[in-house]
């Protein structure tokens, strides 16, 4: 009996480092915020419609169904090539106009366009102390390559850089549209 316990203990000890090395990707998170001079209601009027993402410079056009209802969908076309070009398909899962926030996720991963999987995101407008608004865009996702040893363009760093780039481009467009506080 002692020998069996010793063998089991030895097996666990030998396997533990291997198990630790075998773990796959971890969920990554990105949060980007900006402040604009416009009041929250004005900013929300521009970005609060899930069906209209024309405020973002990367979105050439979009189509959708369901308005701002839960499970509404939108297809974001990122070039003038239509369905043949870069496309992101998203679904709304939370919407609160009173709190000026909505949450959505990509319903069909398109790793060549955005090198992530299992992506979800939240867009929120809040009042800023002293006037104006604070806009927060945050997301969580896994890298585009689900296994160990991802290629460089599908690793965690590439996923974080891509999502951060999308968020920062959108925030910069809002600052250009509404101005920075105090400007």
Protein backbone atom coordinates (compact mmCIF):
# COMPACT_ATOMS: atom_id res chain seq x y z
CA UNK A 1 0.00 0.00 0.00
CA UNK A 2 2.84 2.39 0.88
CA UNK A 3 4.54 1.58 -2.38
CA UNK A 4 1.35 2.35 -4.37
CA UNK A 5 0.98 5.73 -2.58
CA UNK A 6 4.61 6.52 -3.24
CA UNK A 7 4.23 5.67 -6.95
CA UNK A 8 1.08 7.82 -7.23
CA UNK A 9 2.83 10.72 -5.54
CA UNK A 10 5.82 10.36 -7.83
CA UNK A 11 3.58 10.24 -10.91
CA UNK A 12 1.78 13.42 -9.85
CA UNK A 13 5.08 15.19 -9.15
CA UNK A 14 6.47 14.22 -12.56
CA UNK A 15 3.28 15.21 -14.43
CA UNK A 16 2.71 18.57 -12.72
CA UNK A 17 5.33 20.56 -14.70
CA UNK A 18 4.04 19.04 -17.93
CA UNK A 19 0.47 20.03 -17.11
CA UNK A 20 1.55 23.58 -16.34
CA UNK A 21 3.25 23.88 -19.72
CA UNK A 22 0.22 22.50 -21.54
CA UNK A 23 -2.13 25.32 -20.71
CA UNK A 24 -3.41 27.29 -23.70
CA UNK A 25 -4.23 30.94 -24.24
CA UNK A 26 -5.58 33.23 -21.55
CA UNK A 27 -8.38 35.76 -21.95
CA UNK A 28 -6.97 39.18 -22.79
CA UNK A 29 -8.58 42.50 -21.88
CA UNK A 30 -8.30 45.98 -23.34
CA UNK A 31 -9.85 49.21 -22.06
CA UNK A 32 -9.51 52.53 -23.87
CA UNK A 33 -11.08 55.74 -22.60
CA UNK A 34 -11.25 59.27 -23.89
CA UNK A 35 -12.76 62.54 -22.82
CA UNK A 36 -14.74 64.81 -25.12
CA UNK A 37 -16.23 68.28 -24.68
CA UNK A 38 -19.80 67.31 -25.64
CA UNK A 39 -22.35 66.34 -23.01
CA UNK A 40 -23.18 62.61 -22.62
CA UNK A 41 -26.59 62.85 -24.33
CA UNK A 42 -24.99 64.33 -27.46
CA UNK A 43 -22.25 61.68 -27.56
CA UNK A 44 -24.76 58.89 -26.91
CA UNK A 45 -26.92 60.19 -29.77
CA UNK A 46 -23.92 59.66 -32.07
CA UNK A 47 -22.68 56.26 -30.82
CA UNK A 48 -25.61 54.73 -28.90
CA UNK A 49 -27.40 53.17 -31.86
CA UNK A 50 -26.04 49.63 -32.23
CA UNK A 51 -27.08 49.64 -35.89
CA UNK A 52 -25.08 52.76 -36.78
CA UNK A 53 -21.33 52.64 -36.38
CA UNK A 54 -20.68 55.27 -39.04
CA UNK A 55 -18.84 57.32 -36.40
CA UNK A 56 -15.91 54.87 -36.57
CA UNK A 57 -13.45 55.61 -39.41
CA UNK A 58 -12.83 51.92 -40.21
CA UNK A 59 -16.51 51.21 -40.89
CA UNK A 60 -17.44 51.96 -44.51
CA UNK A 61 -21.03 50.70 -44.18
CA UNK A 62 -23.19 48.42 -42.10
CA UNK A 63 -26.44 46.52 -42.22
CA UNK A 64 -28.34 45.07 -39.33
CA UNK A 65 -31.58 43.79 -37.92
CA UNK A 66 -33.31 44.27 -34.60
CA UNK A 67 -32.41 47.87 -33.75
CA UNK A 68 -31.19 48.05 -30.16
CA UNK A 69 -33.07 44.98 -28.95
CA UNK A 70 -31.23 42.10 -27.35
CA UNK A 71 -29.98 39.68 -30.05
CA UNK A 72 -29.99 42.44 -32.70
CA UNK A 73 -27.30 41.85 -35.30
CA UNK A 74 -25.06 44.05 -37.39
CA UNK A 75 -22.57 43.40 -40.16
CA UNK A 76 -19.76 45.94 -40.33
CA UNK A 77 -18.12 46.35 -43.74
CA UNK A 78 -14.58 47.63 -43.47
CA UNK A 79 -14.04 48.34 -47.17
CA UNK A 80 -16.09 49.24 -50.20
CA UNK A 81 -15.85 45.63 -51.41
CA UNK A 82 -19.06 44.67 -49.56
CA UNK A 83 -19.38 41.04 -48.50
CA UNK A 84 -16.18 40.22 -50.42
CA UNK A 85 -14.12 42.55 -48.25
CA UNK A 86 -13.27 42.66 -44.54
CA UNK A 87 -16.41 42.06 -42.49
CA UNK A 88 -17.26 41.73 -38.80
CA UNK A 89 -20.56 40.15 -37.73
CA UNK A 90 -21.75 41.15 -34.27
CA UNK A 91 -24.71 40.56 -31.96
CA UNK A 92 -26.02 42.79 -29.17
CA UNK A 93 -26.50 41.12 -25.79
CA UNK A 94 -27.05 44.06 -23.45
CA UNK A 95 -28.45 47.54 -24.05
CA UNK A 96 -29.29 50.25 -21.52
CA UNK A 97 -30.04 53.67 -23.02
CA UNK A 98 -30.60 55.18 -19.58
CA UNK A 99 -27.11 54.17 -18.43
CA UNK A 100 -25.74 54.93 -21.93
CA UNK A 101 -24.08 51.55 -22.39
CA UNK A 102 -24.30 48.52 -24.62
CA UNK A 103 -22.50 45.20 -24.91
CA UNK A 104 -21.98 43.02 -27.94
CA UNK A 105 -19.91 40.12 -29.19
CA UNK A 106 -18.62 38.90 -32.52
CA UNK A 107 -21.01 36.20 -33.68
CA UNK A 108 -18.70 34.73 -36.31
CA UNK A 109 -14.96 34.98 -35.72
CA UNK A 110 -13.08 36.46 -38.67
CA UNK A 111 -9.48 36.04 -37.57
CA UNK A 112 -7.93 37.44 -40.79
CA UNK A 113 -9.79 40.72 -40.14
CA UNK A 114 -9.44 40.89 -36.35
CA UNK A 115 -7.00 38.31 -34.92
CA UNK A 116 -9.16 37.34 -31.95
CA UNK A 117 -11.70 34.72 -30.94
CA UNK A 118 -14.50 34.75 -28.39
CA UNK A 119 -14.58 38.56 -28.45
CA UNK A 120 -17.02 40.62 -26.40
CA UNK A 121 -17.10 44.36 -25.91
CA UNK A 122 -18.79 47.14 -23.95
CA UNK A 123 -19.22 50.77 -24.99
CA UNK A 124 -20.22 53.32 -22.33
CA UNK A 125 -20.69 57.09 -22.12
CA UNK A 126 -20.47 58.78 -18.70
CA UNK A 127 -20.61 62.38 -17.52
CA UNK A 128 -17.22 63.94 -16.89
CA UNK A 129 -16.53 66.04 -13.81
CA UNK A 130 -16.46 69.65 -14.97
CA UNK A 131 -18.61 69.00 -18.05
CA UNK A 132 -18.29 66.93 -21.15
CA UNK A 133 -18.15 63.17 -21.37
CA UNK A 134 -15.92 60.21 -20.76
CA UNK A 135 -16.26 57.36 -23.26
CA UNK A 136 -15.04 53.89 -22.31
CA UNK A 137 -14.63 51.02 -24.76
CA UNK A 138 -13.51 47.76 -23.26
CA UNK A 139 -13.25 44.26 -24.59
CA UNK A 140 -12.22 40.75 -23.67
CA UNK A 141 -11.06 38.08 -26.10
CA UNK A 142 -8.68 35.25 -26.84
CA UNK A 143 -5.92 35.46 -29.40
CA UNK A 144 -6.60 34.29 -32.93
CA UNK A 145 -4.61 31.06 -32.54
CA UNK A 146 -6.10 28.76 -29.89
CA UNK A 147 -3.17 26.38 -29.43
CA UNK A 148 0.27 26.74 -27.89
CA UNK A 149 3.10 28.42 -29.81
CA UNK A 150 0.99 30.76 -31.98
CA UNK A 151 2.44 32.44 -35.05
CA UNK A 152 3.50 36.04 -34.42
CA UNK A 153 0.47 37.54 -36.19
CA UNK A 154 -1.98 35.48 -34.07
CA UNK A 155 -0.39 35.70 -30.61
CA UNK A 156 -1.61 37.62 -27.55
CA UNK A 157 0.39 40.73 -28.44
CA UNK A 158 -1.06 40.85 -31.97
CA UNK A 159 -4.60 40.45 -30.63
CA UNK A 160 -4.11 43.20 -28.03
CA UNK A 161 -2.54 45.53 -30.59
CA UNK A 162 -5.37 44.98 -33.09
CA UNK A 163 -8.18 45.58 -30.59
CA UNK A 164 -6.38 48.57 -29.08
CA UNK A 165 -5.95 50.02 -32.59
CA UNK A 166 -9.67 49.67 -33.33
CA UNK A 167 -10.63 51.31 -30.04
CA UNK A 168 -8.10 54.13 -30.33
CA UNK A 169 -9.17 54.95 -33.89
CA UNK A 170 -12.78 55.19 -32.73
CA UNK A 171 -11.90 57.35 -29.75
CA UNK A 172 -9.78 59.67 -31.88
CA UNK A 173 -12.74 60.09 -34.25
CA UNK A 174 -14.93 61.08 -31.29
CA UNK A 175 -12.39 63.67 -30.11
CA UNK A 176 -12.21 65.09 -33.64
CA UNK A 177 -16.01 65.24 -33.84
CA UNK A 178 -16.77 66.63 -30.37
CA UNK A 179 -13.52 68.28 -29.34
CA UNK A 180 -11.41 67.67 -26.29
CA UNK A 181 -12.47 69.20 -22.97
CA UNK A 182 -11.05 72.68 -22.52
CA UNK A 183 -10.22 73.12 -26.19
